[in-house]
N, C-alpha and C. Protein backbone atom coordinates (compact mmCIF):
# COMPACT_ATOMS: atom_id res chain seq x y z
N MET A 1 0.85 -1.19 0.00
CA MET A 1 0.00 0.00 0.00
C MET A 1 0.89 1.25 0.00
N VAL A 2 0.55 2.21 -0.84
CA VAL A 2 1.29 3.45 -0.94
C VAL A 2 0.86 4.37 0.20
N ASP A 3 1.83 4.88 0.96
CA ASP A 3 1.45 5.79 2.04
C ASP A 3 1.14 7.18 1.50
N ARG A 4 0.60 8.03 2.35
CA ARG A 4 0.14 9.35 1.92
C ARG A 4 1.27 10.22 1.37
N GLU A 5 2.45 10.13 1.99
CA GLU A 5 3.58 10.94 1.53
C GLU A 5 4.00 10.54 0.12
N GLU A 6 4.05 9.25 -0.15
CA GLU A 6 4.41 8.78 -1.49
C GLU A 6 3.34 9.17 -2.50
N GLU A 7 2.07 9.08 -2.10
CA GLU A 7 0.97 9.46 -2.98
C GLU A 7 1.05 10.95 -3.32
N TYR A 8 1.33 11.79 -2.31
CA TYR A 8 1.44 13.23 -2.55
C TYR A 8 2.64 13.54 -3.44
N THR A 9 3.75 12.87 -3.21
CA THR A 9 4.94 13.06 -4.05
C THR A 9 4.64 12.71 -5.49
N GLU A 10 3.90 11.63 -5.70
CA GLU A 10 3.51 11.23 -7.06
C GLU A 10 2.60 12.27 -7.69
N LYS A 11 1.66 12.83 -6.94
CA LYS A 11 0.77 13.87 -7.46
C LYS A 11 1.56 15.12 -7.83
N CYS A 12 2.55 15.47 -7.01
CA CYS A 12 3.38 16.65 -7.31
C CYS A 12 4.20 16.42 -8.57
N THR A 13 4.76 15.25 -8.73
CA THR A 13 5.53 14.92 -9.93
C THR A 13 4.65 14.99 -11.17
N ARG A 14 3.43 14.48 -11.07
CA ARG A 14 2.47 14.57 -12.18
C ARG A 14 2.12 16.02 -12.48
N ALA A 15 1.95 16.83 -11.43
CA ALA A 15 1.61 18.25 -11.61
C ALA A 15 2.73 18.98 -12.35
N ILE A 16 3.97 18.68 -12.02
CA ILE A 16 5.11 19.31 -12.69
C ILE A 16 5.13 18.92 -14.16
N ARG A 17 4.98 17.65 -14.43
CA ARG A 17 4.98 17.16 -15.82
C ARG A 17 3.82 17.78 -16.60
N THR A 18 2.67 17.86 -15.97
CA THR A 18 1.49 18.46 -16.60
C THR A 18 1.76 19.92 -16.93
N ALA A 19 2.32 20.67 -15.99
CA ALA A 19 2.59 22.10 -16.22
C ALA A 19 3.55 22.29 -17.38
N GLU A 20 4.59 21.48 -17.44
CA GLU A 20 5.58 21.60 -18.52
C GLU A 20 4.94 21.32 -19.88
N GLN A 21 4.21 20.22 -19.97
CA GLN A 21 3.59 19.84 -21.25
C GLN A 21 2.48 20.83 -21.63
N PHE A 22 1.65 21.19 -20.67
CA PHE A 22 0.55 22.10 -20.94
C PHE A 22 1.07 23.46 -21.40
N SER A 23 2.01 24.04 -20.66
CA SER A 23 2.47 25.39 -21.00
C SER A 23 3.14 25.43 -22.36
N GLU A 24 3.88 24.40 -22.69
CA GLU A 24 4.50 24.35 -24.03
C GLU A 24 3.43 24.37 -25.12
N LEU A 25 2.40 23.56 -24.96
CA LEU A 25 1.32 23.49 -25.95
C LEU A 25 0.48 24.76 -25.95
N PHE A 26 0.13 25.27 -24.76
CA PHE A 26 -0.74 26.43 -24.68
C PHE A 26 -0.12 27.64 -25.36
N TYR A 27 1.13 27.95 -25.04
CA TYR A 27 1.74 29.15 -25.61
C TYR A 27 2.07 28.98 -27.10
N LYS A 28 2.31 27.76 -27.52
CA LYS A 28 2.48 27.51 -28.96
C LYS A 28 1.17 27.84 -29.68
N LYS A 29 0.06 27.36 -29.12
CA LYS A 29 -1.25 27.64 -29.73
C LYS A 29 -1.57 29.13 -29.68
N LEU A 30 -1.33 29.76 -28.53
CA LEU A 30 -1.67 31.17 -28.38
C LEU A 30 -0.85 32.04 -29.34
N ASP A 31 0.42 31.71 -29.52
CA ASP A 31 1.30 32.53 -30.36
C ASP A 31 1.23 32.19 -31.84
N LYS A 32 0.99 30.93 -32.18
CA LYS A 32 1.10 30.53 -33.59
C LYS A 32 -0.13 29.85 -34.17
N GLU A 33 -1.00 29.34 -33.31
CA GLU A 33 -2.19 28.59 -33.78
C GLU A 33 -3.42 29.01 -32.98
N ARG A 34 -3.57 30.31 -32.82
CA ARG A 34 -4.61 30.82 -31.93
C ARG A 34 -6.01 30.35 -32.32
N HIS A 35 -6.25 30.12 -33.58
CA HIS A 35 -7.57 29.66 -34.02
C HIS A 35 -7.95 28.30 -33.40
N THR A 36 -6.98 27.57 -32.82
CA THR A 36 -7.27 26.27 -32.20
C THR A 36 -7.25 26.34 -30.68
N ILE A 37 -7.09 27.53 -30.11
CA ILE A 37 -6.91 27.68 -28.67
C ILE A 37 -8.14 27.21 -27.88
N ASP A 38 -9.32 27.25 -28.49
CA ASP A 38 -10.53 26.85 -27.77
C ASP A 38 -10.50 25.40 -27.32
N LYS A 39 -9.70 24.57 -27.95
CA LYS A 39 -9.60 23.16 -27.56
C LYS A 39 -8.93 22.99 -26.20
N MET A 40 -8.32 24.06 -25.70
CA MET A 40 -7.61 24.01 -24.43
C MET A 40 -8.53 24.32 -23.23
N TYR A 41 -9.74 24.81 -23.49
CA TYR A 41 -10.63 25.28 -22.43
C TYR A 41 -11.87 24.39 -22.28
N LEU A 42 -12.37 24.33 -21.04
CA LEU A 42 -13.68 23.73 -20.79
C LEU A 42 -14.77 24.64 -21.32
N PRO A 43 -15.93 24.10 -21.67
CA PRO A 43 -17.04 24.96 -22.13
C PRO A 43 -17.45 26.00 -21.09
N THR A 44 -17.25 25.70 -19.81
CA THR A 44 -17.67 26.60 -18.73
C THR A 44 -16.50 27.42 -18.17
N ALA A 45 -15.39 27.48 -18.88
CA ALA A 45 -14.19 28.15 -18.38
C ALA A 45 -14.42 29.64 -18.17
N THR A 46 -13.59 30.22 -17.30
CA THR A 46 -13.58 31.66 -17.09
C THR A 46 -12.17 32.19 -17.33
N LEU A 47 -12.11 33.40 -17.84
CA LEU A 47 -10.85 34.06 -18.12
C LEU A 47 -10.90 35.46 -17.52
N ALA A 48 -9.83 35.85 -16.85
CA ALA A 48 -9.67 37.24 -16.41
C ALA A 48 -8.38 37.73 -17.07
N TRP A 49 -8.51 38.66 -18.00
CA TRP A 49 -7.37 39.15 -18.78
C TRP A 49 -7.14 40.61 -18.42
N ASN A 50 -6.12 40.86 -17.63
CA ASN A 50 -5.82 42.22 -17.16
C ASN A 50 -7.07 42.89 -16.60
N GLY A 51 -7.83 42.13 -15.81
CA GLY A 51 -9.01 42.67 -15.17
C GLY A 51 -10.29 42.57 -15.97
N ASN A 52 -10.22 42.12 -17.21
CA ASN A 52 -11.42 41.95 -18.04
C ASN A 52 -11.94 40.53 -17.90
N ALA A 53 -13.13 40.38 -17.37
CA ALA A 53 -13.73 39.05 -17.16
C ALA A 53 -14.39 38.57 -18.44
N VAL A 54 -14.12 37.30 -18.78
CA VAL A 54 -14.72 36.67 -19.96
C VAL A 54 -15.19 35.28 -19.52
N ASP A 55 -16.46 34.98 -19.73
CA ASP A 55 -17.02 33.71 -19.30
C ASP A 55 -17.46 32.87 -20.49
N GLY A 56 -17.15 31.59 -20.44
CA GLY A 56 -17.63 30.64 -21.45
C GLY A 56 -16.68 30.51 -22.63
N LEU A 57 -16.63 29.33 -23.18
CA LEU A 57 -15.69 28.98 -24.24
C LEU A 57 -15.83 29.88 -25.48
N ASP A 58 -17.04 30.09 -25.96
CA ASP A 58 -17.23 30.91 -27.17
C ASP A 58 -16.74 32.34 -26.96
N ASN A 59 -17.05 32.91 -25.79
CA ASN A 59 -16.61 34.28 -25.49
C ASN A 59 -15.10 34.37 -25.33
N ILE A 60 -14.50 33.35 -24.72
CA ILE A 60 -13.04 33.33 -24.56
C ILE A 60 -12.37 33.25 -25.93
N LYS A 61 -12.86 32.37 -26.77
CA LYS A 61 -12.27 32.24 -28.11
C LYS A 61 -12.39 33.56 -28.87
N ARG A 62 -13.56 34.16 -28.84
CA ARG A 62 -13.78 35.43 -29.54
C ARG A 62 -12.84 36.51 -28.98
N PHE A 63 -12.70 36.55 -27.66
CA PHE A 63 -11.82 37.54 -27.03
C PHE A 63 -10.37 37.34 -27.50
N LEU A 64 -9.88 36.11 -27.44
CA LEU A 64 -8.49 35.84 -27.81
C LEU A 64 -8.22 36.06 -29.30
N LEU A 65 -9.21 35.76 -30.14
CA LEU A 65 -9.04 35.94 -31.58
C LEU A 65 -9.22 37.39 -32.03
N ASP A 66 -10.18 38.07 -31.45
CA ASP A 66 -10.54 39.40 -31.95
C ASP A 66 -9.89 40.57 -31.20
N ARG A 67 -9.54 40.38 -29.95
CA ARG A 67 -9.07 41.50 -29.14
C ARG A 67 -7.57 41.51 -28.88
N LEU A 68 -6.92 40.35 -29.04
CA LEU A 68 -5.48 40.29 -28.75
C LEU A 68 -4.67 40.37 -30.03
N PRO A 69 -3.68 41.24 -30.06
CA PRO A 69 -2.80 41.26 -31.23
C PRO A 69 -1.88 40.03 -31.23
N LYS A 70 -1.19 39.85 -32.33
CA LYS A 70 -0.23 38.76 -32.46
C LYS A 70 0.74 38.82 -31.29
N SER A 71 1.08 37.65 -30.71
CA SER A 71 1.90 37.63 -29.50
C SER A 71 3.07 36.67 -29.63
N SER A 72 4.04 36.89 -28.75
CA SER A 72 5.18 35.99 -28.63
C SER A 72 5.55 35.93 -27.14
N HIS A 73 5.37 34.75 -26.54
CA HIS A 73 5.61 34.56 -25.12
C HIS A 73 6.95 33.88 -24.88
N THR A 74 7.64 34.33 -23.85
CA THR A 74 8.84 33.67 -23.36
C THR A 74 8.61 33.36 -21.88
N ILE A 75 8.70 32.08 -21.52
CA ILE A 75 8.47 31.67 -20.15
C ILE A 75 9.79 31.70 -19.39
N HIS A 76 9.76 32.35 -18.22
CA HIS A 76 10.94 32.39 -17.35
C HIS A 76 10.77 31.50 -16.13
N ASN A 77 9.56 31.42 -15.61
CA ASN A 77 9.29 30.62 -14.41
C ASN A 77 8.00 29.84 -14.59
N LEU A 78 8.02 28.63 -14.07
CA LEU A 78 6.86 27.75 -14.16
C LEU A 78 6.76 27.00 -12.84
N ASP A 79 5.57 26.99 -12.25
CA ASP A 79 5.36 26.28 -10.99
C ASP A 79 4.01 25.60 -11.07
N SER A 80 3.85 24.53 -10.34
CA SER A 80 2.57 23.84 -10.31
C SER A 80 2.43 23.05 -9.03
N GLN A 81 1.20 22.75 -8.72
CA GLN A 81 0.92 21.89 -7.58
C GLN A 81 -0.45 21.27 -7.76
N PRO A 82 -0.61 20.08 -7.21
CA PRO A 82 -1.94 19.46 -7.27
C PRO A 82 -2.88 20.19 -6.31
N VAL A 83 -4.14 20.24 -6.68
CA VAL A 83 -5.16 20.83 -5.81
C VAL A 83 -5.76 19.69 -4.99
N ALA A 84 -5.91 19.91 -3.69
CA ALA A 84 -6.44 18.87 -2.79
C ALA A 84 -7.79 18.37 -3.29
N ASP A 85 -7.95 17.06 -3.28
CA ASP A 85 -9.21 16.45 -3.71
C ASP A 85 -10.42 17.02 -2.97
N SER A 86 -10.25 17.32 -1.70
CA SER A 86 -11.36 17.84 -0.90
C SER A 86 -11.82 19.21 -1.38
N ALA A 87 -10.94 19.96 -2.05
CA ALA A 87 -11.29 21.30 -2.54
C ALA A 87 -12.00 21.27 -3.88
N VAL A 88 -11.89 20.16 -4.60
CA VAL A 88 -12.46 20.09 -5.96
C VAL A 88 -13.33 18.85 -6.15
N GLY A 89 -13.88 18.35 -5.08
CA GLY A 89 -14.81 17.23 -5.16
C GLY A 89 -14.21 15.98 -5.78
N GLY A 90 -12.91 15.76 -5.59
CA GLY A 90 -12.27 14.56 -6.12
C GLY A 90 -11.87 14.66 -7.58
N GLN A 91 -12.18 15.79 -8.24
CA GLN A 91 -11.80 15.98 -9.65
C GLN A 91 -10.30 16.27 -9.72
N THR A 92 -9.57 15.55 -10.56
CA THR A 92 -8.14 15.77 -10.68
C THR A 92 -7.89 17.17 -11.23
N THR A 93 -7.22 18.01 -10.43
CA THR A 93 -7.03 19.42 -10.76
C THR A 93 -5.62 19.85 -10.38
N VAL A 94 -5.03 20.70 -11.22
CA VAL A 94 -3.68 21.19 -11.01
C VAL A 94 -3.68 22.72 -11.15
N LEU A 95 -2.98 23.39 -10.24
CA LEU A 95 -2.75 24.83 -10.33
C LEU A 95 -1.41 25.03 -11.02
N VAL A 96 -1.40 25.83 -12.09
CA VAL A 96 -0.18 26.12 -12.83
C VAL A 96 0.05 27.62 -12.80
N GLN A 97 1.26 28.03 -12.43
CA GLN A 97 1.63 29.45 -12.39
C GLN A 97 2.79 29.67 -13.35
N VAL A 98 2.63 30.67 -14.22
CA VAL A 98 3.63 30.94 -15.26
C VAL A 98 3.99 32.43 -15.19
N SER A 99 5.27 32.72 -15.35
CA SER A 99 5.66 34.11 -15.52
C SER A 99 6.73 34.19 -16.59
N GLY A 100 6.78 35.34 -17.24
CA GLY A 100 7.73 35.53 -18.32
C GLY A 100 7.54 36.89 -18.96
N ASN A 101 7.85 36.95 -20.24
CA ASN A 101 7.67 38.18 -21.02
C ASN A 101 6.79 37.87 -22.21
N VAL A 102 6.02 38.88 -22.62
CA VAL A 102 5.19 38.76 -23.81
C VAL A 102 5.41 40.00 -24.67
N ARG A 103 5.45 39.79 -25.97
CA ARG A 103 5.56 40.88 -26.94
C ARG A 103 4.30 40.82 -27.81
N TYR A 104 3.63 41.98 -27.93
CA TYR A 104 2.46 42.08 -28.81
C TYR A 104 2.86 42.89 -30.04
N ASP A 105 2.62 42.32 -31.22
CA ASP A 105 3.01 42.97 -32.47
C ASP A 105 4.48 43.38 -32.39
N ALA A 106 4.78 44.64 -32.74
CA ALA A 106 6.18 45.11 -32.73
C ALA A 106 6.49 45.92 -31.47
N ASN A 107 5.62 45.85 -30.47
CA ASN A 107 5.83 46.59 -29.22
C ASN A 107 6.92 45.93 -28.39
N PRO A 108 7.52 46.69 -27.47
CA PRO A 108 8.51 46.09 -26.58
C PRO A 108 7.86 45.00 -25.71
N SER A 109 8.64 44.02 -25.30
CA SER A 109 8.08 42.96 -24.45
C SER A 109 7.83 43.51 -23.05
N VAL A 110 6.84 42.93 -22.39
CA VAL A 110 6.48 43.30 -21.02
C VAL A 110 6.37 42.03 -20.18
N PRO A 111 6.63 42.14 -18.88
CA PRO A 111 6.48 40.97 -18.01
C PRO A 111 5.00 40.58 -17.90
N PHE A 112 4.76 39.28 -17.74
CA PHE A 112 3.39 38.80 -17.50
C PHE A 112 3.40 37.72 -16.44
N GLN A 113 2.23 37.53 -15.85
CA GLN A 113 1.98 36.46 -14.88
C GLN A 113 0.67 35.82 -15.29
N GLN A 114 0.63 34.48 -15.35
CA GLN A 114 -0.61 33.79 -15.72
C GLN A 114 -0.79 32.58 -14.82
N ASN A 115 -2.00 32.42 -14.32
CA ASN A 115 -2.35 31.28 -13.47
C ASN A 115 -3.48 30.51 -14.12
N PHE A 116 -3.36 29.21 -14.09
CA PHE A 116 -4.38 28.32 -14.65
C PHE A 116 -4.84 27.34 -13.59
N LEU A 117 -6.12 27.04 -13.57
CA LEU A 117 -6.62 25.85 -12.90
C LEU A 117 -6.97 24.88 -14.02
N LEU A 118 -6.24 23.77 -14.05
CA LEU A 118 -6.47 22.76 -15.08
C LEU A 118 -7.20 21.59 -14.46
N THR A 119 -8.11 21.01 -15.21
CA THR A 119 -8.83 19.84 -14.73
C THR A 119 -8.81 18.76 -15.79
N ASP A 120 -8.84 17.53 -15.34
CA ASP A 120 -8.82 16.39 -16.24
C ASP A 120 -10.22 16.19 -16.81
N SER A 121 -10.33 16.26 -18.13
CA SER A 121 -11.61 16.08 -18.81
C SER A 121 -11.40 15.05 -19.92
N ASP A 122 -11.92 13.86 -19.74
CA ASP A 122 -11.75 12.77 -20.71
C ASP A 122 -10.28 12.52 -21.01
N SER A 123 -9.47 12.45 -19.96
CA SER A 123 -8.03 12.18 -20.04
C SER A 123 -7.26 13.27 -20.78
N LYS A 124 -7.80 14.48 -20.84
CA LYS A 124 -7.11 15.63 -21.42
C LYS A 124 -7.20 16.78 -20.42
N TRP A 125 -6.13 17.53 -20.30
CA TRP A 125 -6.13 18.69 -19.42
C TRP A 125 -6.84 19.85 -20.09
N LYS A 126 -7.79 20.43 -19.38
CA LYS A 126 -8.55 21.57 -19.88
C LYS A 126 -8.48 22.71 -18.88
N VAL A 127 -8.49 23.94 -19.39
CA VAL A 127 -8.46 25.13 -18.53
C VAL A 127 -9.86 25.36 -17.98
N ALA A 128 -9.95 25.40 -16.66
CA ALA A 128 -11.21 25.75 -16.00
C ALA A 128 -11.21 27.24 -15.66
N VAL A 129 -10.04 27.74 -15.21
CA VAL A 129 -9.89 29.14 -14.85
C VAL A 129 -8.53 29.61 -15.38
N ASP A 130 -8.54 30.79 -16.00
CA ASP A 130 -7.32 31.40 -16.58
C ASP A 130 -7.28 32.85 -16.13
N ASN A 131 -6.19 33.23 -15.46
CA ASN A 131 -6.05 34.60 -14.98
C ASN A 131 -4.72 35.14 -15.50
N PHE A 132 -4.78 36.15 -16.36
CA PHE A 132 -3.59 36.72 -17.00
C PHE A 132 -3.43 38.17 -16.60
N ARG A 133 -2.18 38.58 -16.33
CA ARG A 133 -1.92 39.98 -15.97
C ARG A 133 -0.54 40.37 -16.49
N THR A 134 -0.49 41.51 -17.20
CA THR A 134 0.80 42.08 -17.54
C THR A 134 1.19 43.04 -16.43
N GLN A 135 2.48 43.30 -16.35
CA GLN A 135 2.97 44.17 -15.27
C GLN A 135 3.41 45.50 -15.81
């Protein structure tokens, strides 16, 4: 039988691997394949983009396609942790925190911070909550 410490260590290792794979795919889609970004979100997802609230998959896709200029993200820091089962009703969920620089069009790059709550949906990680802020 696996004890609680080993189980938690395994969840943390999975969270790290998830964050690395997810962030690589997410920023690739956002920067180069934005028209497919909706596949990364749950239908009921929420987005807060520099204080602008956007609810639901269709609205998020429209916001990212119509309101954001072409972007190029560079990740400097990545952190993740599993969310306690008791906080999410047993649904496998990971908190991912990303920071780096983003350049929009030909403007100078600016620092950004982005937090995701990812949840397992049919064996695929989907964004339930996305909070983005430039500094």
